[in-house]
């Protein structure tokens, strides 16, 4: 079984959110979390300082870890604003260039998921901005409609990795084709795992164990770059453990580009 790791880039800089409600919502959400015993007082105190950090992203840190550990990850960037994504194309381009210079792939973190024209516009926005077409996409908040995959295939994407079961908190399914596009169901998302040092590892082992039993071939893991931070120590430590665990189990680490190439070659042989 091979593991594909990717990172959604939801936030870049502190001043991207001066005109929206991201910070007030953050304060309320984390205060409720500590009052309900879901996070420690220390975690709460650290998260209250987030609006005063110049960089909300942790791209440099997670890229350094991925490079040192041979993780060929993909970073997905928003081409439109909405649902907490508030950075513009200029900020996105700078970050995309850094990711690509580091040897990593970049794709689209989509906002439109029902309007085929708007979905095509996001594809073209990335192409116009960077000079090359995005190979893949994942919808922000993994939003999904009946026509989403067909519209993404028509837009020109080589792959999508949006399909996810929010009720169970994971999704085990082999990649499948929608016309010329490959759909890689999202197996594990960091924020749908228990925020507990022991339970998060046990849950991950359980999900990957089921996937191995079902012989799905490829499993996809989403780790938000903002969670690779001292502010979210459980997520950061879990991610570092996860990469080591995959090696221990003999799971290969592969990028979407190579996975698509392998799947296309396999399909051509049939």
C-alpha atoms as a PDB file:
ATOM      1  CA  UNK A   1       0.000   0.000   0.000  1.00  0.00           C
ATOM      2  CA  UNK A   2       1.211   3.497  -0.845  1.00  0.00           C
ATOM      3  CA  UNK A   3       0.539   6.682   1.113  1.00  0.00           C
ATOM      4  CA  UNK A   4      -0.060  10.066  -0.531  1.00  0.00           C
ATOM      5  CA  UNK A   5       0.378  13.067   1.778  1.00  0.00           C
ATOM      6  CA  UNK A   6      -0.864  16.568   1.011  1.00  0.00           C
ATOM      7  CA  UNK A   7      -1.353  19.910   2.716  1.00  0.00           C
ATOM      8  CA  UNK A   8      -4.240  22.375   2.338  1.00  0.00           C
ATOM      9  CA  UNK A   9      -3.048  25.987   2.623  1.00  0.00           C
ATOM     10  CA  UNK A  10      -5.996  27.817   4.179  1.00  0.00           C
ATOM     11  CA  UNK A  11      -4.104  30.788   5.636  1.00  0.00           C
ATOM     12  CA  UNK A  12      -0.955  32.716   4.782  1.00  0.00           C
ATOM     13  CA  UNK A  13      -0.467  35.990   6.701  1.00  0.00           C
ATOM     14  CA  UNK A  14      -2.020  37.706   9.721  1.00  0.00           C
ATOM     15  CA  UNK A  15      -3.269  40.731   7.758  1.00  0.00           C
ATOM     16  CA  UNK A  16      -5.249  38.564   5.328  1.00  0.00           C
ATOM     17  CA  UNK A  17      -7.967  38.392   7.981  1.00  0.00           C
ATOM     18  CA  UNK A  18      -8.285  42.038   9.023  1.00  0.00           C
ATOM     19  CA  UNK A  19     -11.594  42.386   7.162  1.00  0.00           C
ATOM     20  CA  UNK A  20     -13.272  39.101   8.030  1.00  0.00           C
ATOM     21  CA  UNK A  21     -14.411  37.281  11.171  1.00  0.00           C
ATOM     22  CA  UNK A  22     -11.700  34.652  11.302  1.00  0.00           C
ATOM     23  CA  UNK A  23     -10.080  35.908  14.513  1.00  0.00           C
ATOM     24  CA  UNK A  24     -13.300  36.443  16.528  1.00  0.00           C
ATOM     25  CA  UNK A  25     -14.490  32.972  15.486  1.00  0.00           C
ATOM     26  CA  UNK A  26     -11.118  31.522  16.458  1.00  0.00           C
ATOM     27  CA  UNK A  27     -11.285  33.044  19.939  1.00  0.00           C
ATOM     28  CA  UNK A  28     -14.836  31.824  20.506  1.00  0.00           C
ATOM     29  CA  UNK A  29     -14.177  28.317  19.145  1.00  0.00           C
ATOM     30  CA  UNK A  30     -11.044  27.749  21.188  1.00  0.00           C
ATOM     31  CA  UNK A  31     -12.550  29.202  24.360  1.00  0.00           C
ATOM     32  CA  UNK A  32     -15.482  26.810  24.071  1.00  0.00           C
ATOM     33  CA  UNK A  33     -13.020  23.973  23.450  1.00  0.00           C
ATOM     34  CA  UNK A  34     -11.102  24.630  26.665  1.00  0.00           C
ATOM     35  CA  UNK A  35     -14.283  25.095  28.703  1.00  0.00           C
ATOM     36  CA  UNK A  36     -15.540  21.725  27.456  1.00  0.00           C
ATOM     37  CA  UNK A  37     -12.246  20.042  28.283  1.00  0.00           C
ATOM     38  CA  UNK A  38     -11.290  19.290  24.683  1.00  0.00           C
ATOM     39  CA  UNK A  39      -7.981  21.159  24.855  1.00  0.00           C
ATOM     40  CA  UNK A  40      -5.657  22.134  27.681  1.00  0.00           C
ATOM     41  CA  UNK A  41      -5.337  25.615  29.145  1.00  0.00           C
ATOM     42  CA  UNK A  42      -1.859  25.766  27.635  1.00  0.00           C
ATOM     43  CA  UNK A  43      -3.195  24.986  24.171  1.00  0.00           C
ATOM     44  CA  UNK A  44      -5.877  27.637  24.615  1.00  0.00           C
ATOM     45  CA  UNK A  45      -3.340  30.275  25.683  1.00  0.00           C
ATOM     46  CA  UNK A  46      -1.105  29.527  22.697  1.00  0.00           C
ATOM     47  CA  UNK A  47      -4.009  29.697  20.256  1.00  0.00           C
ATOM     48  CA  UNK A  48      -5.111  33.067  21.597  1.00  0.00           C
ATOM     49  CA  UNK A  49      -1.831  34.491  20.257  1.00  0.00           C
ATOM     50  CA  UNK A  50      -2.421  33.316  16.663  1.00  0.00           C
ATOM     51  CA  UNK A  51      -3.734  36.728  15.438  1.00  0.00           C
ATOM     52  CA  UNK A  52      -0.418  38.268  16.503  1.00  0.00           C
ATOM     53  CA  UNK A  53       1.727  35.902  14.441  1.00  0.00           C
ATOM     54  CA  UNK A  54       3.073  37.468  11.244  1.00  0.00           C
ATOM     55  CA  UNK A  55       2.842  34.161   9.416  1.00  0.00           C
ATOM     56  CA  UNK A  56      -0.279  32.072   9.882  1.00  0.00           C
ATOM     57  CA  UNK A  57       1.194  29.466   7.552  1.00  0.00           C
ATOM     58  CA  UNK A  58       3.888  26.973   8.505  1.00  0.00           C
ATOM     59  CA  UNK A  59       4.973  26.130   4.989  1.00  0.00           C
ATOM     60  CA  UNK A  60       8.693  26.491   5.662  1.00  0.00           C
ATOM     61  CA  UNK A  61       8.567  24.154   8.653  1.00  0.00           C
ATOM     62  CA  UNK A  62       6.493  21.424   7.032  1.00  0.00           C
ATOM     63  CA  UNK A  63       8.461  21.618   3.783  1.00  0.00           C
ATOM     64  CA  UNK A  64      11.675  21.195   5.767  1.00  0.00           C
ATOM     65  CA  UNK A  65      10.284  18.134   7.529  1.00  0.00           C
ATOM     66  CA  UNK A  66       8.905  16.634   4.319  1.00  0.00           C
ATOM     67  CA  UNK A  67      12.164  17.147   2.462  1.00  0.00           C
ATOM     68  CA  UNK A  68      14.265  15.647   5.260  1.00  0.00           C
ATOM     69  CA  UNK A  69      11.973  12.628   5.388  1.00  0.00           C
ATOM     70  CA  UNK A  70      11.438  12.050   1.675  1.00  0.00           C
ATOM     71  CA  UNK A  71       7.746  12.969   1.642  1.00  0.00           C
ATOM     72  CA  UNK A  72       6.729  14.031  -1.915  1.00  0.00           C
ATOM     73  CA  UNK A  73       3.785  16.083  -0.724  1.00  0.00           C
ATOM     74  CA  UNK A  74       1.385  18.307  -2.658  1.00  0.00           C
ATOM     75  CA  UNK A  75       0.211  21.731  -1.440  1.00  0.00           C
ATOM     76  CA  UNK A  76      -3.244  23.010  -2.426  1.00  0.00           C
ATOM     77  CA  UNK A  77      -3.770  26.802  -2.699  1.00  0.00           C
ATOM     78  CA  UNK A  78      -6.982  28.801  -2.937  1.00  0.00           C
ATOM     79  CA  UNK A  79      -7.625  30.699  -6.153  1.00  0.00           C
ATOM     80  CA  UNK A  80     -10.777  32.338  -4.800  1.00  0.00           C
ATOM     81  CA  UNK A  81     -11.680  33.741  -1.400  1.00  0.00           C
ATOM     82  CA  UNK A  82     -14.283  32.214   0.883  1.00  0.00           C
ATOM     83  CA  UNK A  83     -14.882  30.136   4.023  1.00  0.00           C
ATOM     84  CA  UNK A  84     -11.791  31.469   5.777  1.00  0.00           C
ATOM     85  CA  UNK A  85      -9.513  31.660   2.747  1.00  0.00           C
ATOM     86  CA  UNK A  86      -8.789  35.379   2.499  1.00  0.00           C
ATOM     87  CA  UNK A  87      -5.444  35.691   0.736  1.00  0.00           C
ATOM     88  CA  UNK A  88      -5.199  36.983  -2.821  1.00  0.00           C
ATOM     89  CA  UNK A  89      -3.382  35.816  -5.930  1.00  0.00           C
ATOM     90  CA  UNK A  90      -0.243  37.845  -5.222  1.00  0.00           C
ATOM     91  CA  UNK A  91       0.232  36.210  -1.812  1.00  0.00           C
ATOM     92  CA  UNK A  92      -0.620  32.793  -3.244  1.00  0.00           C
ATOM     93  CA  UNK A  93       1.913  33.109  -6.056  1.00  0.00           C
ATOM     94  CA  UNK A  94       4.750  33.869  -3.668  1.00  0.00           C
ATOM     95  CA  UNK A  95       3.916  30.806  -1.586  1.00  0.00           C
ATOM     96  CA  UNK A  96       3.426  28.578  -4.632  1.00  0.00           C
ATOM     97  CA  UNK A  97       6.832  29.589  -5.995  1.00  0.00           C
ATOM     98  CA  UNK A  98       8.468  28.679  -2.679  1.00  0.00           C
ATOM     99  CA  UNK A  99       6.729  25.308  -2.647  1.00  0.00           C
ATOM    100  CA  UNK A 100       7.747  24.549  -6.215  1.00  0.00           C
ATOM    101  CA  UNK A 101      11.318  25.740  -5.618  1.00  0.00           C
ATOM    102  CA  UNK A 102      11.436  23.270  -2.742  1.00  0.00           C
ATOM    103  CA  UNK A 103      10.643  20.452  -5.136  1.00  0.00           C
ATOM    104  CA  UNK A 104       6.997  20.014  -4.156  1.00  0.00           C
ATOM    105  CA  UNK A 105       3.826  20.048  -6.250  1.00  0.00           C
ATOM    106  CA  UNK A 106       1.079  22.668  -6.040  1.00  0.00           C
ATOM    107  CA  UNK A 107      -2.602  22.408  -6.892  1.00  0.00           C
ATOM    108  CA  UNK A 108      -5.896  24.203  -6.350  1.00  0.00           C
ATOM    109  CA  UNK A 109      -7.865  24.339  -3.115  1.00  0.00           C
ATOM    110  CA  UNK A 110     -11.264  24.825  -4.675  1.00  0.00           C
ATOM    111  CA  UNK A 111     -14.114  27.045  -3.525  1.00  0.00           C
ATOM    112  CA  UNK A 112     -16.658  26.457  -6.319  1.00  0.00           C
ATOM    113  CA  UNK A 113     -18.046  22.925  -6.223  1.00  0.00           C
ATOM    114  CA  UNK A 114     -21.387  23.157  -8.078  1.00  0.00           C
ATOM    115  CA  UNK A 115     -20.905  25.827 -10.753  1.00  0.00           C
ATOM    116  CA  UNK A 116     -18.924  24.239 -13.604  1.00  0.00           C
ATOM    117  CA  UNK A 117     -18.006  27.634 -15.057  1.00  0.00           C
ATOM    118  CA  UNK A 118     -16.615  28.870 -11.744  1.00  0.00           C
ATOM    119  CA  UNK A 119     -14.697  25.630 -11.306  1.00  0.00           C
ATOM    120  CA  UNK A 120     -13.100  26.079 -14.712  1.00  0.00           C
ATOM    121  CA  UNK A 121     -12.268  29.688 -13.767  1.00  0.00           C
ATOM    122  CA  UNK A 122     -10.278  28.505 -10.749  1.00  0.00           C
ATOM    123  CA  UNK A 123      -8.350  26.113 -12.990  1.00  0.00           C
ATOM    124  CA  UNK A 124      -7.550  28.958 -15.395  1.00  0.00           C
ATOM    125  CA  UNK A 125      -6.664  31.338 -12.542  1.00  0.00           C
ATOM    126  CA  UNK A 126      -3.956  28.949 -11.348  1.00  0.00           C
ATOM    127  CA  UNK A 127      -2.686  28.495 -14.894  1.00  0.00           C
ATOM    128  CA  UNK A 128      -2.623  32.223 -15.610  1.00  0.00           C
ATOM    129  CA  UNK A 129      -0.951  32.936 -12.273  1.00  0.00           C
ATOM    130  CA  UNK A 130       1.792  30.314 -12.424  1.00  0.00           C
ATOM    131  CA  UNK A 131       2.206  29.707 -16.137  1.00  0.00           C
ATOM    132  CA  UNK A 132       1.303  26.031 -15.853  1.00  0.00           C
ATOM    133  CA  UNK A 133      -1.944  24.136 -15.426  1.00  0.00           C
ATOM    134  CA  UNK A 134      -2.713  22.615 -12.044  1.00  0.00           C
ATOM    135  CA  UNK A 135      -2.748  18.853 -12.137  1.00  0.00           C
ATOM    136  CA  UNK A 136      -5.032  18.385  -9.174  1.00  0.00           C
ATOM    137  CA  UNK A 137      -7.500  19.876  -6.761  1.00  0.00           C
ATOM    138  CA  UNK A 138      -9.175  19.359  -3.423  1.00  0.00           C
ATOM    139  CA  UNK A 139     -12.316  21.253  -2.451  1.00  0.00           C
ATOM    140  CA  UNK A 140     -12.135  23.501   0.595  1.00  0.00           C
ATOM    141  CA  UNK A 141     -14.038  21.847   3.463  1.00  0.00           C
ATOM    142  CA  UNK A 142     -14.261  18.831   1.090  1.00  0.00           C
ATOM    143  CA  UNK A 143     -17.554  20.213  -0.225  1.00  0.00           C
ATOM    144  CA  UNK A 144     -19.141  17.973  -2.797  1.00  0.00           C
ATOM    145  CA  UNK A 145     -22.206  17.810  -5.067  1.00  0.00           C
ATOM    146  CA  UNK A 146     -23.528  15.315  -7.602  1.00  0.00           C
ATOM    147  CA  UNK A 147     -21.885  17.136 -10.508  1.00  0.00           C
ATOM    148  CA  UNK A 148     -18.579  18.008  -8.805  1.00  0.00           C
ATOM    149  CA  UNK A 149     -16.358  15.258 -10.196  1.00  0.00           C
ATOM    150  CA  UNK A 150     -17.682  15.472 -13.735  1.00  0.00           C
ATOM    151  CA  UNK A 151     -17.224  19.246 -13.747  1.00  0.00           C
ATOM    152  CA  UNK A 152     -13.665  18.927 -12.427  1.00  0.00           C
ATOM    153  CA  UNK A 153     -12.844  16.367 -15.096  1.00  0.00           C
ATOM    154  CA  UNK A 154     -14.288  18.673 -17.754  1.00  0.00           C
ATOM    155  CA  UNK A 155     -12.244  21.568 -16.334  1.00  0.00           C
ATOM    156  CA  UNK A 156      -9.042  19.680 -17.120  1.00  0.00           C
ATOM    157  CA  UNK A 157      -7.799  18.312 -13.804  1.00  0.00           C
ATOM    158  CA  UNK A 158      -5.740  15.109 -13.823  1.00  0.00           C
ATOM    159  CA  UNK A 159      -6.915  14.228 -10.329  1.00  0.00           C
ATOM    160  CA  UNK A 160      -9.206  15.275  -7.492  1.00  0.00           C
ATOM    161  CA  UNK A 161      -8.944  14.258  -3.846  1.00  0.00           C
ATOM    162  CA  UNK A 162     -12.165  15.521  -2.278  1.00  0.00           C
ATOM    163  CA  UNK A 163     -14.431  12.524  -1.649  1.00  0.00           C
ATOM    164  CA  UNK A 164     -14.617  12.064   2.128  1.00  0.00           C
ATOM    165  CA  UNK A 165     -17.108  10.733   4.682  1.00  0.00           C
ATOM    166  CA  UNK A 166     -17.623  13.404   7.326  1.00  0.00           C
ATOM    167  CA  UNK A 167     -19.893  11.130   9.384  1.00  0.00           C
ATOM    168  CA  UNK A 168     -17.321   8.400   9.922  1.00  0.00           C
ATOM    169  CA  UNK A 169     -14.366  10.811   9.788  1.00  0.00           C
ATOM    170  CA  UNK A 170     -12.456   8.783   7.189  1.00  0.00           C
ATOM    171  CA  UNK A 171     -12.959   7.221   3.774  1.00  0.00           C
ATOM    172  CA  UNK A 172     -11.474   3.976   2.524  1.00  0.00           C
ATOM    173  CA  UNK A 173     -11.856   3.463  -1.203  1.00  0.00           C
ATOM    174  CA  UNK A 174      -9.502   2.725  -4.081  1.00  0.00           C
ATOM    175  CA  UNK A 175      -8.876   5.480  -6.662  1.00  0.00           C
ATOM    176  CA  UNK A 176     -11.279   5.454  -9.595  1.00  0.00           C
ATOM    177  CA  UNK A 177     -11.644   7.287 -12.884  1.00  0.00           C
ATOM    178  CA  UNK A 178     -14.197   9.907 -13.837  1.00  0.00           C
ATOM    179  CA  UNK A 179     -13.653  10.194 -17.562  1.00  0.00           C
ATOM    180  CA  UNK A 180     -10.001  11.236 -17.841  1.00  0.00           C
ATOM    181  CA  UNK A 181      -9.603  12.294 -14.207  1.00  0.00           C
ATOM    182  CA  UNK A 182      -8.601  10.119 -11.271  1.00  0.00           C
ATOM    183  CA  UNK A 183     -10.470  10.491  -7.997  1.00  0.00           C
ATOM    184  CA  UNK A 184      -8.390   9.758  -4.900  1.00  0.00           C
ATOM    185  CA  UNK A 185     -10.834   9.534  -1.972  1.00  0.00           C
ATOM    186  CA  UNK A 186      -9.462  11.270   1.124  1.00  0.00           C
ATOM    187  CA  UNK A 187      -8.667   8.544   3.623  1.00  0.00           C
ATOM    188  CA  UNK A 188      -7.514  10.566   6.653  1.00  0.00           C
ATOM    189  CA  UNK A 189      -7.883  14.244   7.551  1.00  0.00           C
ATOM    190  CA  UNK A 190      -6.036  15.550  10.609  1.00  0.00           C
ATOM    191  CA  UNK A 191      -8.916  17.598  11.997  1.00  0.00           C
ATOM    192  CA  UNK A 192     -11.305  14.616  11.974  1.00  0.00           C
ATOM    193  CA  UNK A 193      -9.021  12.634  14.285  1.00  0.00           C
ATOM    194  CA  UNK A 194      -9.238  12.813  18.100  1.00  0.00           C
ATOM    195  CA  UNK A 195      -7.081  15.586  19.538  1.00  0.00           C
ATOM    196  CA  UNK A 196      -5.347  13.302  22.012  1.00  0.00           C
ATOM    197  CA  UNK A 197      -1.764  12.087  21.781  1.00  0.00           C
ATOM    198  CA  UNK A 198      -2.602   8.397  22.213  1.00  0.00           C
ATOM    199  CA  UNK A 199      -6.059   8.225  20.629  1.00  0.00           C
ATOM    200  CA  UNK A 200      -4.971   9.979  17.420  1.00  0.00           C
ATOM    201  CA  UNK A 201      -2.319   7.322  16.823  1.00  0.00           C
ATOM    202  CA  UNK A 202      -4.655   4.450  17.644  1.00  0.00           C
ATOM    203  CA  UNK A 203      -7.318   5.801  15.294  1.00  0.00           C
ATOM    204  CA  UNK A 204      -4.765   6.231  12.493  1.00  0.00           C
ATOM    205  CA  UNK A 205      -3.503   2.677  12.945  1.00  0.00           C
ATOM    206  CA  UNK A 206      -7.079   1.407  12.849  1.00  0.00           C
ATOM    207  CA  UNK A 207      -7.926   3.237   9.609  1.00  0.00           C
ATOM    208  CA  UNK A 208      -4.713   2.287   7.835  1.00  0.00           C
ATOM    209  CA  UNK A 209      -5.156  -1.290   9.005  1.00  0.00           C
ATOM    210  CA  UNK A 210      -8.622  -1.435   7.442  1.00  0.00           C
ATOM    211  CA  UNK A 211      -7.298   0.082   4.229  1.00  0.00           C
ATOM    212  CA  UNK A 212      -4.524  -2.504   4.067  1.00  0.00           C
ATOM    213  CA  UNK A 213      -7.039  -5.310   4.601  1.00  0.00           C
ATOM    214  CA  UNK A 214      -9.210  -3.946   1.785  1.00  0.00           C
ATOM    215  CA  UNK A 215      -6.179  -3.685  -0.521  1.00  0.00           C
ATOM    216  CA  UNK A 216      -7.124  -0.231  -1.823  1.00  0.00           C
ATOM    217  CA  UNK A 217      -3.594   0.325  -3.128  1.00  0.00           C
ATOM    218  CA  UNK A 218      -3.346   4.023  -2.266  1.00  0.00           C
ATOM    219  CA  UNK A 219      -4.302   5.931   0.890  1.00  0.00           C
ATOM    220  CA  UNK A 220      -4.424   9.713   1.066  1.00  0.00           C
ATOM    221  CA  UNK A 221      -3.637  11.801   4.146  1.00  0.00           C
ATOM    222  CA  UNK A 222      -4.369  15.514   4.615  1.00  0.00           C
ATOM    223  CA  UNK A 223      -2.299  17.491   7.113  1.00  0.00           C
ATOM    224  CA  UNK A 224      -3.013  21.232   7.201  1.00  0.00           C
ATOM    225  CA  UNK A 225       0.247  23.162   7.275  1.00  0.00           C
ATOM    226  CA  UNK A 226      -1.149  25.437  10.009  1.00  0.00           C
ATOM    227  CA  UNK A 227      -1.396  22.383  12.275  1.00  0.00           C
ATOM    228  CA  UNK A 228       2.307  21.641  11.964  1.00  0.00           C
ATOM    229  CA  UNK A 229       2.978  24.138  14.708  1.00  0.00           C
ATOM    230  CA  UNK A 230       3.732  24.447  18.457  1.00  0.00           C
ATOM    231  CA  UNK A 231       0.187  25.829  18.733  1.00  0.00           C
ATOM    232  CA  UNK A 232      -1.182  22.405  17.769  1.00  0.00           C
ATOM    233  CA  UNK A 233       1.388  20.032  19.331  1.00  0.00           C
ATOM    234  CA  UNK A 234      -0.793  16.917  19.102  1.00  0.00           C
ATOM    235  CA  UNK A 235      -1.199  17.318  15.336  1.00  0.00           C
ATOM    236  CA  UNK A 236       2.469  18.191  14.795  1.00  0.00           C
ATOM    237  CA  UNK A 237       3.777  15.257  16.818  1.00  0.00           C
ATOM    238  CA  UNK A 238       1.227  12.911  15.224  1.00  0.00           C
ATOM    239  CA  UNK A 239       2.356  13.865  11.723  1.00  0.00           C
ATOM    240  CA  UNK A 240       5.991  13.212  12.536  1.00  0.00           C
ATOM    241  CA  UNK A 241       4.996   9.877  14.083  1.00  0.00           C
ATOM    242  CA  UNK A 242       2.844   9.026  11.049  1.00  0.00           C
ATOM    243  CA  UNK A 243       5.704   9.324   8.567  1.00  0.00           C
ATOM    244  CA  UNK A 244       7.843   7.045  10.721  1.00  0.00           C
ATOM    245  CA  UNK A 245       4.962   4.607  11.174  1.00  0.00           C
ATOM    246  CA  UNK A 246       4.435   4.353   7.414  1.00  0.00           C
ATOM    247  CA  UNK A 247       8.091   3.472   6.944  1.00  0.00           C
ATOM    248  CA  UNK A 248       7.940   0.934   9.759  1.00  0.00           C
ATOM    249  CA  UNK A 249       4.937  -0.745   8.131  1.00  0.00           C
ATOM    250  CA  UNK A 250       6.563  -0.754   4.711  1.00  0.00           C
ATOM    251  CA  UNK A 251       4.051   1.653   3.170  1.00  0.00           C
ATOM    252  CA  UNK A 252       5.568   3.577   0.282  1.00  0.00           C
ATOM    253  CA  UNK A 253       5.341   7.373   0.169  1.00  0.00           C
ATOM    254  CA  UNK A 254       4.297   8.665  -3.248  1.00  0.00           C
ATOM    255  CA  UNK A 255       3.054  11.917  -4.776  1.00  0.00           C
ATOM    256  CA  UNK A 256      -0.158  12.334  -6.729  1.00  0.00           C
ATOM    257  CA  UNK A 257       1.704  12.862  -9.999  1.00  0.00           C
ATOM    258  CA  UNK A 258       3.462   9.508  -9.802  1.00  0.00           C
ATOM    259  CA  UNK A 259       0.335   7.777  -8.522  1.00  0.00           C
ATOM    260  CA  UNK A 260      -1.622   9.043 -11.544  1.00  0.00           C
ATOM    261  CA  UNK A 261       1.164   7.860 -13.824  1.00  0.00           C
ATOM    262  CA  UNK A 262       1.086   4.399 -12.242  1.00  0.00           C
ATOM    263  CA  UNK A 263      -2.690   4.154 -12.461  1.00  0.00           C
ATOM    264  CA  UNK A 264      -2.747   5.274 -16.091  1.00  0.00           C
ATOM    265  CA  UNK A 265      -0.096   2.706 -16.956  1.00  0.00           C
ATOM    266  CA  UNK A 266      -2.027  -0.009 -15.170  1.00  0.00           C
ATOM    267  CA  UNK A 267      -5.288   0.979 -16.893  1.00  0.00           C
ATOM    268  CA  UNK A 268      -3.570   0.912 -20.306  1.00  0.00           C
ATOM    269  CA  UNK A 269      -2.440  -2.663 -19.718  1.00  0.00           C
ATOM    270  CA  UNK A 270      -5.998  -3.892 -19.125  1.00  0.00           C
END
